């Protein structure tokens, strides 16, 4: 099966959807997952899974910093 369209949706995003994760600090990683209540922040895939399983929580500082951008 061909994989010609893999990643097509993120090519239009700024820096192709990559940046620094506000939770773990990993740089040049895809930030495609939105987390948070009223104010959404973009996090990486490992942090999204850790939040889902209760191993990480969203700090208030990360939510405020994401809103300022």
N, C-alpha and C. Protein backbone atom coordinates (compact mmCIF):
# COMPACT_ATOMS: atom_id res chain seq x y z
N UNK A 1 0.85 -1.17 0.00
CA UNK A 1 0.00 0.00 0.00
C UNK A 1 0.90 1.25 0.00
N UNK A 2 0.55 2.21 -0.82
CA UNK A 2 1.32 3.42 -0.96
C UNK A 2 1.12 4.35 0.23
N UNK A 3 2.15 5.09 0.57
CA UNK A 3 2.08 6.05 1.67
C UNK A 3 2.39 7.45 1.14
N UNK A 4 1.81 7.79 0.00
CA UNK A 4 2.10 9.06 -0.66
C UNK A 4 1.53 10.26 0.09
N UNK A 5 0.50 10.07 0.87
CA UNK A 5 -0.16 11.20 1.51
C UNK A 5 0.16 11.30 3.00
N UNK A 6 1.12 10.60 3.49
CA UNK A 6 1.46 10.64 4.91
C UNK A 6 2.04 12.01 5.27
N UNK A 7 1.44 12.67 6.26
CA UNK A 7 1.92 13.97 6.71
C UNK A 7 1.46 15.13 5.86
N UNK A 8 0.53 14.89 4.96
CA UNK A 8 0.09 15.94 4.05
C UNK A 8 -0.60 17.08 4.81
N UNK A 9 -1.34 16.77 5.85
CA UNK A 9 -2.08 17.78 6.59
C UNK A 9 -1.24 18.71 7.42
N UNK A 10 -0.02 18.31 7.79
CA UNK A 10 0.81 19.17 8.63
C UNK A 10 1.79 20.01 7.83
N UNK A 11 1.86 19.81 6.53
CA UNK A 11 2.79 20.61 5.72
C UNK A 11 2.37 22.07 5.66
N UNK A 12 1.08 22.36 5.88
CA UNK A 12 0.59 23.73 5.82
C UNK A 12 0.82 24.48 7.13
N UNK A 13 1.06 23.77 8.23
CA UNK A 13 1.24 24.40 9.53
C UNK A 13 2.59 25.10 9.62
N UNK A 14 2.69 26.07 10.54
CA UNK A 14 3.95 26.76 10.77
C UNK A 14 5.01 25.76 11.20
N UNK A 15 6.15 25.79 10.57
CA UNK A 15 7.28 24.88 10.84
C UNK A 15 6.86 23.43 10.72
N UNK A 16 5.87 23.17 9.87
CA UNK A 16 5.35 21.81 9.65
C UNK A 16 4.90 21.15 10.94
N UNK A 17 4.34 21.95 11.87
CA UNK A 17 3.79 21.41 13.11
C UNK A 17 4.82 21.10 14.17
N UNK A 18 6.05 21.55 13.99
CA UNK A 18 7.10 21.23 14.94
C UNK A 18 7.42 22.43 15.83
N UNK A 19 7.91 22.13 17.03
CA UNK A 19 8.28 23.18 17.97
C UNK A 19 8.83 22.56 19.23
N UNK A 20 8.75 23.29 20.34
CA UNK A 20 9.21 22.81 21.63
C UNK A 20 8.00 22.53 22.51
N UNK A 21 7.94 21.34 23.06
CA UNK A 21 6.82 20.95 23.92
C UNK A 21 6.90 21.73 25.23
N UNK A 22 5.80 22.37 25.66
CA UNK A 22 5.83 23.15 26.89
C UNK A 22 5.90 22.28 28.15
N UNK A 23 5.58 21.01 28.05
CA UNK A 23 5.62 20.15 29.24
C UNK A 23 6.97 19.48 29.45
N UNK A 24 7.49 18.85 28.42
CA UNK A 24 8.74 18.09 28.60
C UNK A 24 9.96 18.84 28.10
N UNK A 25 9.77 19.89 27.32
CA UNK A 25 10.89 20.68 26.83
C UNK A 25 11.60 20.10 25.63
N UNK A 26 11.07 19.04 25.05
CA UNK A 26 11.68 18.45 23.86
C UNK A 26 11.57 19.43 22.70
N UNK A 27 12.68 19.64 22.00
CA UNK A 27 12.67 20.59 20.90
C UNK A 27 12.60 19.85 19.56
N UNK A 28 12.14 20.57 18.54
CA UNK A 28 12.01 20.05 17.18
C UNK A 28 11.16 18.78 17.14
N UNK A 29 10.06 18.79 17.88
CA UNK A 29 9.16 17.64 17.94
C UNK A 29 7.78 18.07 17.46
N UNK A 30 7.02 17.15 16.90
CA UNK A 30 5.69 17.48 16.41
C UNK A 30 4.76 17.79 17.57
N UNK A 31 4.09 18.94 17.49
CA UNK A 31 3.13 19.37 18.50
C UNK A 31 1.75 19.37 17.86
N UNK A 32 1.11 18.23 17.86
CA UNK A 32 -0.14 18.08 17.12
C UNK A 32 -1.34 17.82 18.03
N UNK A 33 -1.12 17.71 19.32
CA UNK A 33 -2.20 17.30 20.22
C UNK A 33 -2.55 18.44 21.15
N UNK A 34 -3.83 18.81 21.18
CA UNK A 34 -4.29 19.91 22.03
C UNK A 34 -4.79 19.35 23.34
N UNK A 35 -4.35 19.95 24.43
CA UNK A 35 -4.77 19.56 25.77
C UNK A 35 -5.17 20.81 26.53
N UNK A 36 -5.98 20.63 27.54
CA UNK A 36 -6.37 21.74 28.39
C UNK A 36 -7.86 21.93 28.39
N UNK A 37 -8.31 22.72 29.33
CA UNK A 37 -9.73 23.00 29.46
C UNK A 37 -10.17 24.09 28.50
N UNK A 38 -10.28 25.32 29.02
CA UNK A 38 -10.72 26.42 28.18
C UNK A 38 -9.61 26.89 27.25
N UNK A 39 -8.38 26.93 27.77
CA UNK A 39 -7.26 27.35 26.95
C UNK A 39 -6.47 26.13 26.52
N UNK A 40 -6.38 25.90 25.23
CA UNK A 40 -5.71 24.72 24.70
C UNK A 40 -4.23 25.01 24.51
N UNK A 41 -3.40 24.02 24.79
CA UNK A 41 -1.98 24.10 24.47
C UNK A 41 -1.64 22.89 23.61
N UNK A 42 -0.65 23.04 22.75
CA UNK A 42 -0.23 21.93 21.89
C UNK A 42 0.91 21.20 22.57
N UNK A 43 0.79 19.87 22.67
CA UNK A 43 1.81 19.04 23.30
C UNK A 43 2.22 17.93 22.35
N UNK A 44 3.32 17.26 22.69
CA UNK A 44 3.82 16.16 21.86
C UNK A 44 3.07 14.87 22.18
N UNK A 45 3.29 13.86 21.39
CA UNK A 45 2.59 12.59 21.53
C UNK A 45 2.89 11.89 22.86
N UNK A 46 4.16 11.82 23.33
CA UNK A 46 4.41 11.18 24.64
C UNK A 46 3.74 11.91 25.80
N UNK A 47 3.71 13.24 25.75
CA UNK A 47 3.06 14.00 26.82
C UNK A 47 1.54 13.81 26.78
N UNK A 48 0.98 13.72 25.61
CA UNK A 48 -0.47 13.47 25.47
C UNK A 48 -0.83 12.14 26.13
N UNK A 49 -0.01 11.10 25.89
CA UNK A 49 -0.27 9.80 26.50
C UNK A 49 -0.08 9.84 28.01
N UNK A 50 0.94 10.57 28.48
CA UNK A 50 1.19 10.67 29.92
C UNK A 50 0.05 11.39 30.63
N UNK A 51 -0.51 12.41 30.00
CA UNK A 51 -1.65 13.13 30.59
C UNK A 51 -2.86 12.21 30.64
N UNK A 52 -3.06 11.45 29.59
CA UNK A 52 -4.21 10.54 29.52
C UNK A 52 -4.14 9.48 30.62
N UNK A 53 -2.94 8.98 30.91
CA UNK A 53 -2.77 7.93 31.92
C UNK A 53 -2.52 8.46 33.31
N UNK A 54 -2.53 9.79 33.48
CA UNK A 54 -2.40 10.38 34.79
C UNK A 54 -0.98 10.50 35.31
N UNK A 55 0.01 10.34 34.44
CA UNK A 55 1.41 10.44 34.88
C UNK A 55 1.91 11.87 34.85
N UNK A 56 1.27 12.73 34.07
CA UNK A 56 1.61 14.15 34.00
C UNK A 56 0.34 14.96 34.13
N UNK A 57 0.48 16.17 34.63
CA UNK A 57 -0.64 17.09 34.68
C UNK A 57 -0.24 18.38 33.98
N UNK A 58 -1.24 19.12 33.57
CA UNK A 58 -0.98 20.38 32.90
C UNK A 58 -0.73 21.46 33.95
N UNK A 59 0.47 22.04 33.99
CA UNK A 59 0.72 23.13 34.93
C UNK A 59 0.04 24.40 34.45
N UNK A 60 -0.35 25.24 35.37
CA UNK A 60 -1.02 26.48 35.02
C UNK A 60 -0.10 27.38 34.22
N UNK A 61 1.21 27.33 34.49
CA UNK A 61 2.17 28.18 33.76
C UNK A 61 2.22 27.81 32.29
N UNK A 62 2.10 26.53 31.95
CA UNK A 62 2.15 26.10 30.55
C UNK A 62 0.91 26.60 29.80
N UNK A 63 -0.23 26.60 30.45
CA UNK A 63 -1.45 27.05 29.82
C UNK A 63 -1.39 28.55 29.58
N UNK A 64 -0.88 29.30 30.56
CA UNK A 64 -0.78 30.75 30.43
C UNK A 64 0.24 31.12 29.36
N UNK A 65 1.38 30.41 29.30
CA UNK A 65 2.40 30.70 28.31
C UNK A 65 1.90 30.41 26.89
N UNK A 66 1.14 29.37 26.73
CA UNK A 66 0.61 29.03 25.41
C UNK A 66 -0.42 30.06 24.96
N UNK A 67 -1.17 30.60 25.90
CA UNK A 67 -2.16 31.60 25.55
C UNK A 67 -1.52 32.92 25.12
N UNK A 68 -0.33 33.19 25.65
CA UNK A 68 0.36 34.44 25.32
C UNK A 68 0.93 34.41 23.91
N UNK A 69 1.19 33.25 23.35
CA UNK A 69 1.79 33.13 22.01
C UNK A 69 0.83 33.41 20.91
